Amino acid sequence: MTSVSESVRKIILDVQKRGDTALCELAKRFDRVALRPAMLQVSPGEIKKAQARVSSSVLKSLNECAKHIGSFARHEKSRLSGSWMKVEGSVRVGQLSRPVDSVGLYILGTLSLPVNGPMSAIPAEWQA
């Protein structure tokens, strides 16, 4: 039986080696979603089209929410102690704080709320 750590290590190595192609295969394997690499990045045009479909009151609420999330993320960053790791037997948990060039976000679709994207993206942006 493969350990969780070994499974995660294999996934990370595969994504490092094959990039978005590996991500699409993982989405099919774990989520039963058919994706192509070109579908993984949202273009500015797609964002504008989506904004046009949302009422101004919803956009206003999302912008206000984003402001609060950003404020919290800045506050949280000032209190981070950096990277840490805790090991209990074969289980390792921790936090690795380092900048990255880009990030992919996984937002669960079935129970998704409008705030799920900003709650993931904004802290990632402020932690950089």
N, C-alpha and C. Protein backbone atom coordinates (compact mmCIF):
# COMPACT_ATOMS: atom_id res chain seq x y z
N MET A 1 0.85 -1.18 0.00
CA MET A 1 0.00 0.00 0.00
C MET A 1 0.89 1.24 0.00
N THR A 2 0.59 2.16 -0.88
CA THR A 2 1.36 3.39 -1.00
C THR A 2 0.92 4.39 0.06
N SER A 3 1.88 5.05 0.70
CA SER A 3 1.55 6.05 1.73
C SER A 3 1.03 7.32 1.06
N VAL A 4 0.34 8.12 1.84
CA VAL A 4 -0.15 9.41 1.34
C VAL A 4 1.01 10.26 0.86
N SER A 5 2.08 10.29 1.64
CA SER A 5 3.25 11.09 1.28
C SER A 5 3.83 10.66 -0.06
N GLU A 6 3.90 9.35 -0.28
CA GLU A 6 4.44 8.82 -1.55
C GLU A 6 3.51 9.18 -2.71
N SER A 7 2.20 9.07 -2.50
CA SER A 7 1.24 9.43 -3.54
C SER A 7 1.36 10.90 -3.91
N VAL A 8 1.46 11.75 -2.91
CA VAL A 8 1.60 13.19 -3.15
C VAL A 8 2.91 13.48 -3.86
N ARG A 9 3.98 12.84 -3.45
CA ARG A 9 5.29 13.04 -4.08
C ARG A 9 5.23 12.69 -5.56
N LYS A 10 4.57 11.58 -5.90
CA LYS A 10 4.44 11.16 -7.29
C LYS A 10 3.64 12.18 -8.10
N ILE A 11 2.58 12.70 -7.52
CA ILE A 11 1.75 13.71 -8.20
C ILE A 11 2.58 14.97 -8.46
N ILE A 12 3.29 15.43 -7.45
CA ILE A 12 4.11 16.64 -7.60
C ILE A 12 5.16 16.45 -8.68
N LEU A 13 5.85 15.32 -8.67
CA LEU A 13 6.87 15.06 -9.69
C LEU A 13 6.26 15.00 -11.09
N ASP A 14 5.08 14.39 -11.20
CA ASP A 14 4.41 14.31 -12.50
C ASP A 14 4.03 15.69 -13.01
N VAL A 15 3.49 16.53 -12.13
CA VAL A 15 3.10 17.89 -12.53
C VAL A 15 4.34 18.71 -12.87
N GLN A 16 5.42 18.55 -12.12
CA GLN A 16 6.66 19.26 -12.45
C GLN A 16 7.18 18.84 -13.82
N LYS A 17 7.04 17.58 -14.13
CA LYS A 17 7.57 17.06 -15.40
C LYS A 17 6.66 17.37 -16.58
N ARG A 18 5.35 17.16 -16.42
CA ARG A 18 4.43 17.27 -17.56
C ARG A 18 3.49 18.46 -17.50
N GLY A 19 3.53 19.24 -16.43
CA GLY A 19 2.78 20.48 -16.34
C GLY A 19 1.27 20.31 -16.45
N ASP A 20 0.67 21.19 -17.26
CA ASP A 20 -0.78 21.24 -17.37
C ASP A 20 -1.40 19.95 -17.90
N THR A 21 -0.67 19.22 -18.72
CA THR A 21 -1.18 17.94 -19.22
C THR A 21 -1.43 16.99 -18.04
N ALA A 22 -0.50 16.95 -17.11
CA ALA A 22 -0.67 16.12 -15.92
C ALA A 22 -1.85 16.61 -15.08
N LEU A 23 -2.00 17.92 -14.94
CA LEU A 23 -3.12 18.46 -14.17
C LEU A 23 -4.46 18.04 -14.78
N CYS A 24 -4.55 18.08 -16.09
CA CYS A 24 -5.80 17.69 -16.75
C CYS A 24 -6.09 16.21 -16.54
N GLU A 25 -5.06 15.38 -16.59
CA GLU A 25 -5.26 13.95 -16.33
C GLU A 25 -5.67 13.70 -14.88
N LEU A 26 -5.11 14.46 -13.95
CA LEU A 26 -5.50 14.33 -12.55
C LEU A 26 -6.94 14.76 -12.33
N ALA A 27 -7.37 15.82 -13.01
CA ALA A 27 -8.76 16.26 -12.90
C ALA A 27 -9.71 15.18 -13.39
N LYS A 28 -9.32 14.52 -14.48
CA LYS A 28 -10.16 13.43 -14.99
C LYS A 28 -10.18 12.26 -14.02
N ARG A 29 -9.01 11.93 -13.47
CA ARG A 29 -8.89 10.79 -12.55
C ARG A 29 -9.65 11.02 -11.24
N PHE A 30 -9.45 12.17 -10.64
CA PHE A 30 -10.03 12.41 -9.31
C PHE A 30 -11.41 13.06 -9.34
N ASP A 31 -11.67 13.89 -10.35
CA ASP A 31 -12.93 14.65 -10.39
C ASP A 31 -13.87 14.25 -11.52
N ARG A 32 -13.36 13.40 -12.41
CA ARG A 32 -14.15 12.99 -13.58
C ARG A 32 -14.55 14.20 -14.43
N VAL A 33 -13.58 15.12 -14.58
CA VAL A 33 -13.79 16.33 -15.38
C VAL A 33 -12.82 16.31 -16.55
N ALA A 34 -13.33 16.50 -17.75
CA ALA A 34 -12.47 16.52 -18.93
C ALA A 34 -12.01 17.95 -19.20
N LEU A 35 -10.71 18.18 -19.06
CA LEU A 35 -10.12 19.50 -19.30
C LEU A 35 -9.00 19.38 -20.31
N ARG A 36 -8.70 20.51 -20.97
CA ARG A 36 -7.53 20.63 -21.83
C ARG A 36 -6.66 21.73 -21.24
N PRO A 37 -5.35 21.66 -21.43
CA PRO A 37 -4.47 22.69 -20.87
C PRO A 37 -4.90 24.12 -21.19
N ALA A 38 -5.42 24.35 -22.37
CA ALA A 38 -5.84 25.71 -22.75
C ALA A 38 -6.99 26.22 -21.88
N MET A 39 -7.69 25.32 -21.22
CA MET A 39 -8.84 25.71 -20.39
C MET A 39 -8.41 26.12 -18.98
N LEU A 40 -7.15 25.95 -18.61
CA LEU A 40 -6.72 26.15 -17.23
C LEU A 40 -6.46 27.60 -16.86
N GLN A 41 -6.26 28.45 -17.84
CA GLN A 41 -6.00 29.86 -17.55
C GLN A 41 -7.15 30.69 -18.11
N VAL A 42 -7.68 31.57 -17.27
CA VAL A 42 -8.80 32.42 -17.65
C VAL A 42 -8.23 33.68 -18.29
N SER A 43 -8.70 33.98 -19.48
CA SER A 43 -8.20 35.16 -20.20
C SER A 43 -8.91 36.43 -19.70
N PRO A 44 -8.29 37.59 -19.91
CA PRO A 44 -8.97 38.84 -19.56
C PRO A 44 -10.32 39.00 -20.25
N GLY A 45 -10.42 38.51 -21.48
CA GLY A 45 -11.69 38.58 -22.20
C GLY A 45 -12.77 37.74 -21.54
N GLU A 46 -12.40 36.55 -21.06
CA GLU A 46 -13.36 35.70 -20.36
C GLU A 46 -13.82 36.35 -19.06
N ILE A 47 -12.90 37.02 -18.39
CA ILE A 47 -13.24 37.71 -17.15
C ILE A 47 -14.24 38.83 -17.44
N LYS A 48 -13.99 39.61 -18.48
CA LYS A 48 -14.92 40.70 -18.85
C LYS A 48 -16.30 40.16 -19.20
N LYS A 49 -16.35 39.07 -19.95
CA LYS A 49 -17.64 38.47 -20.31
C LYS A 49 -18.39 38.02 -19.07
N ALA A 50 -17.67 37.40 -18.13
CA ALA A 50 -18.30 36.93 -16.89
C ALA A 50 -18.82 38.11 -16.07
N GLN A 51 -18.03 39.18 -15.99
CA GLN A 51 -18.46 40.36 -15.23
C GLN A 51 -19.71 40.97 -15.84
N ALA A 52 -19.83 40.93 -17.15
CA ALA A 52 -21.00 41.49 -17.82
C ALA A 52 -22.27 40.71 -17.51
N ARG A 53 -22.13 39.47 -17.11
CA ARG A 53 -23.28 38.63 -16.80
C ARG A 53 -23.73 38.76 -15.34
N VAL A 54 -22.98 39.51 -14.53
CA VAL A 54 -23.27 39.63 -13.10
C VAL A 54 -23.81 41.03 -12.82
N SER A 55 -24.79 41.11 -11.97
CA SER A 55 -25.38 42.41 -11.65
C SER A 55 -24.37 43.32 -10.94
N SER A 56 -24.59 44.61 -11.05
CA SER A 56 -23.67 45.56 -10.41
C SER A 56 -23.69 45.42 -8.89
N SER A 57 -24.82 45.04 -8.32
CA SER A 57 -24.88 44.88 -6.86
C SER A 57 -24.05 43.67 -6.41
N VAL A 58 -24.05 42.60 -7.19
CA VAL A 58 -23.23 41.43 -6.86
C VAL A 58 -21.75 41.79 -7.01
N LEU A 59 -21.38 42.48 -8.09
CA LEU A 59 -19.99 42.90 -8.27
C LEU A 59 -19.54 43.80 -7.12
N LYS A 60 -20.41 44.70 -6.70
CA LYS A 60 -20.09 45.58 -5.59
C LYS A 60 -19.84 44.76 -4.32
N SER A 61 -20.70 43.78 -4.07
CA SER A 61 -20.54 42.93 -2.89
C SER A 61 -19.24 42.13 -2.96
N LEU A 62 -18.92 41.58 -4.13
CA LEU A 62 -17.68 40.82 -4.29
C LEU A 62 -16.45 41.71 -4.11
N ASN A 63 -16.50 42.93 -4.62
CA ASN A 63 -15.39 43.86 -4.44
C ASN A 63 -15.20 44.22 -2.97
N GLU A 64 -16.29 44.42 -2.26
CA GLU A 64 -16.23 44.71 -0.83
C GLU A 64 -15.66 43.51 -0.07
N CYS A 65 -16.11 42.34 -0.44
CA CYS A 65 -15.60 41.11 0.17
C CYS A 65 -14.11 40.99 -0.10
N ALA A 66 -13.67 41.25 -1.33
CA ALA A 66 -12.25 41.16 -1.69
C ALA A 66 -11.43 42.14 -0.86
N LYS A 67 -11.97 43.31 -0.61
CA LYS A 67 -11.26 44.30 0.21
C LYS A 67 -11.02 43.74 1.62
N HIS A 68 -12.02 43.11 2.20
CA HIS A 68 -11.89 42.55 3.55
C HIS A 68 -10.94 41.35 3.57
N ILE A 69 -11.03 40.51 2.56
CA ILE A 69 -10.14 39.35 2.48
C ILE A 69 -8.69 39.82 2.37
N GLY A 70 -8.44 40.83 1.53
CA GLY A 70 -7.09 41.38 1.38
C GLY A 70 -6.57 41.98 2.67
N SER A 71 -7.43 42.68 3.39
CA SER A 71 -7.04 43.27 4.67
C SER A 71 -6.65 42.17 5.65
N PHE A 72 -7.46 41.13 5.72
CA PHE A 72 -7.15 40.02 6.62
C PHE A 72 -5.85 39.34 6.20
N ALA A 73 -5.64 39.13 4.89
CA ALA A 73 -4.43 38.45 4.41
C ALA A 73 -3.18 39.26 4.74
N ARG A 74 -3.25 40.58 4.61
CA ARG A 74 -2.09 41.41 4.96
C ARG A 74 -1.80 41.30 6.46
N HIS A 75 -2.84 41.33 7.27
CA HIS A 75 -2.69 41.19 8.71
C HIS A 75 -2.10 39.82 9.06
N GLU A 76 -2.63 38.79 8.43
CA GLU A 76 -2.15 37.43 8.68
C GLU A 76 -0.68 37.29 8.29
N LYS A 77 -0.29 37.85 7.15
CA LYS A 77 1.10 37.75 6.70
C LYS A 77 2.05 38.36 7.72
N SER A 78 1.64 39.45 8.34
CA SER A 78 2.52 40.10 9.32
C SER A 78 2.73 39.24 10.56
N ARG A 79 1.88 38.26 10.77
CA ARG A 79 1.97 37.40 11.95
C ARG A 79 2.56 36.02 11.67
N LEU A 80 2.82 35.72 10.40
CA LEU A 80 3.37 34.41 10.06
C LEU A 80 4.79 34.27 10.59
N SER A 81 5.08 33.12 11.11
CA SER A 81 6.42 32.88 11.64
C SER A 81 7.33 32.23 10.61
N GLY A 82 6.87 32.07 9.40
CA GLY A 82 7.66 31.42 8.36
C GLY A 82 7.28 29.97 8.22
N SER A 83 8.16 29.20 7.63
CA SER A 83 7.89 27.78 7.38
C SER A 83 8.03 26.97 8.66
N TRP A 84 7.27 25.88 8.74
CA TRP A 84 7.37 24.98 9.88
C TRP A 84 6.89 23.60 9.45
N MET A 85 7.29 22.60 10.19
CA MET A 85 6.91 21.22 9.91
C MET A 85 6.72 20.48 11.22
N LYS A 86 5.68 19.67 11.29
CA LYS A 86 5.43 18.84 12.46
C LYS A 86 5.32 17.39 11.97
N VAL A 87 6.01 16.50 12.64
CA VAL A 87 6.02 15.09 12.26
C VAL A 87 5.48 14.26 13.42
N GLU A 88 4.50 13.43 13.11
CA GLU A 88 3.97 12.46 14.07
C GLU A 88 3.93 11.11 13.37
N GLY A 89 4.87 10.26 13.68
CA GLY A 89 4.95 8.97 12.99
C GLY A 89 5.26 9.18 11.53
N SER A 90 4.42 8.64 10.66
CA SER A 90 4.63 8.80 9.22
C SER A 90 3.88 10.00 8.64
N VAL A 91 3.21 10.76 9.51
CA VAL A 91 2.42 11.91 9.05
C VAL A 91 3.21 13.19 9.26
N ARG A 92 3.34 13.97 8.20
CA ARG A 92 4.01 15.27 8.28
C ARG A 92 3.02 16.34 7.83
N VAL A 93 2.88 17.37 8.63
CA VAL A 93 2.06 18.51 8.27
C VAL A 93 2.89 19.77 8.50
N GLY A 94 2.58 20.82 7.78
CA GLY A 94 3.33 22.04 7.98
C GLY A 94 2.94 23.13 7.02
N GLN A 95 3.75 24.15 7.03
CA GLN A 95 3.51 25.31 6.19
C GLN A 95 4.85 25.70 5.57
N LEU A 96 4.85 25.86 4.27
CA LEU A 96 6.04 26.28 3.55
C LEU A 96 5.76 27.65 2.96
N SER A 97 6.48 28.64 3.41
CA SER A 97 6.27 30.01 2.93
C SER A 97 7.39 30.39 1.98
N ARG A 98 7.04 30.50 0.70
CA ARG A 98 8.01 30.95 -0.30
C ARG A 98 7.25 31.47 -1.51
N PRO A 99 7.83 32.43 -2.22
CA PRO A 99 7.14 32.99 -3.39
C PRO A 99 7.13 32.00 -4.55
N VAL A 100 6.09 32.09 -5.36
CA VAL A 100 5.97 31.28 -6.57
C VAL A 100 5.63 32.20 -7.74
N ASP A 101 5.92 31.75 -8.95
CA ASP A 101 5.64 32.56 -10.14
C ASP A 101 4.16 32.59 -10.48
N SER A 102 3.49 31.47 -10.25
CA SER A 102 2.06 31.40 -10.54
C SER A 102 1.46 30.33 -9.65
N VAL A 103 0.15 30.32 -9.59
CA VAL A 103 -0.53 29.36 -8.72
C VAL A 103 -1.83 28.91 -9.40
N GLY A 104 -2.17 27.68 -9.19
CA GLY A 104 -3.46 27.17 -9.66
C GLY A 104 -4.36 27.00 -8.45
N LEU A 105 -5.61 27.32 -8.63
CA LEU A 105 -6.57 27.20 -7.53
C LEU A 105 -7.58 26.12 -7.86
N TYR A 106 -7.88 25.30 -6.91
CA TYR A 106 -8.90 24.28 -7.06
C TYR A 106 -10.12 24.74 -6.27
N ILE A 107 -11.19 25.06 -6.99
CA ILE A 107 -12.43 25.50 -6.35
C ILE A 107 -13.46 24.41 -6.60
N LEU A 108 -13.89 23.78 -5.54
CA LEU A 108 -14.88 22.71 -5.64
C LEU A 108 -16.14 23.25 -6.31
N GLY A 109 -16.56 22.62 -7.39
CA GLY A 109 -17.69 23.13 -8.17
C GLY A 109 -19.05 22.82 -7.60
N THR A 110 -19.25 21.67 -7.02
CA THR A 110 -20.58 21.24 -6.59
C THR A 110 -21.18 22.15 -5.53
N LEU A 111 -20.38 22.54 -4.57
CA LEU A 111 -20.87 23.37 -3.47
C LEU A 111 -20.22 24.75 -3.47
N SER A 112 -19.82 25.21 -4.63
CA SER A 112 -19.07 26.45 -4.73
C SER A 112 -19.93 27.67 -4.39
N LEU A 113 -19.32 28.60 -3.69
CA LEU A 113 -19.93 29.89 -3.38
C LEU A 113 -19.14 30.97 -4.12
N PRO A 114 -19.75 32.10 -4.43
CA PRO A 114 -19.01 33.15 -5.15
C PRO A 114 -17.73 33.59 -4.43
N VAL A 115 -17.69 33.46 -3.13
CA VAL A 115 -16.54 33.92 -2.36
C VAL A 115 -15.39 32.90 -2.35
N ASN A 116 -15.62 31.66 -2.77
CA ASN A 116 -14.58 30.64 -2.70
C ASN A 116 -13.33 31.01 -3.50
N GLY A 117 -13.51 31.56 -4.68
CA GLY A 117 -12.36 31.98 -5.50
C GLY A 117 -11.55 33.06 -4.81
N PRO A 118 -12.18 34.18 -4.45
CA PRO A 118 -11.42 35.23 -3.75
C PRO A 118 -10.80 34.76 -2.44
N MET A 119 -11.45 33.88 -1.71
CA MET A 119 -10.88 33.40 -0.44
C MET A 119 -9.60 32.59 -0.67
N SER A 120 -9.45 32.02 -1.86
CA SER A 120 -8.23 31.28 -2.19
C SER A 120 -7.20 32.17 -2.89
N ALA A 121 -7.65 33.00 -3.82
CA ALA A 121 -6.73 33.78 -4.66
C ALA A 121 -6.12 34.97 -3.93
N ILE A 122 -6.90 35.70 -3.21
CA ILE A 122 -6.40 36.94 -2.59
C ILE A 122 -5.33 36.66 -1.54
N PRO A 123 -5.53 35.73 -0.61
CA PRO A 123 -4.44 35.44 0.32
C PRO A 123 -3.18 34.95 -0.39
N ALA A 124 -3.33 34.16 -1.46
CA ALA A 124 -2.16 33.69 -2.21
C ALA A 124 -1.41 34.88 -2.79
N GLU A 125 -2.12 35.86 -3.29
CA GLU A 125 -1.48 37.05 -3.85
C GLU A 125 -0.76 37.85 -2.76
N TRP A 126 -1.39 38.00 -1.61
CA TRP A 126 -0.78 38.80 -0.53
C TRP A 126 0.33 38.07 0.19
N GLN A 127 0.37 36.75 0.11
CA GLN A 127 1.44 36.01 0.79
C GLN A 127 2.73 36.07 -0.01
N ALA A 128 2.64 36.40 -1.27
CA ALA A 128 3.83 36.42 -2.14
C ALA A 128 4.83 37.48 -1.69
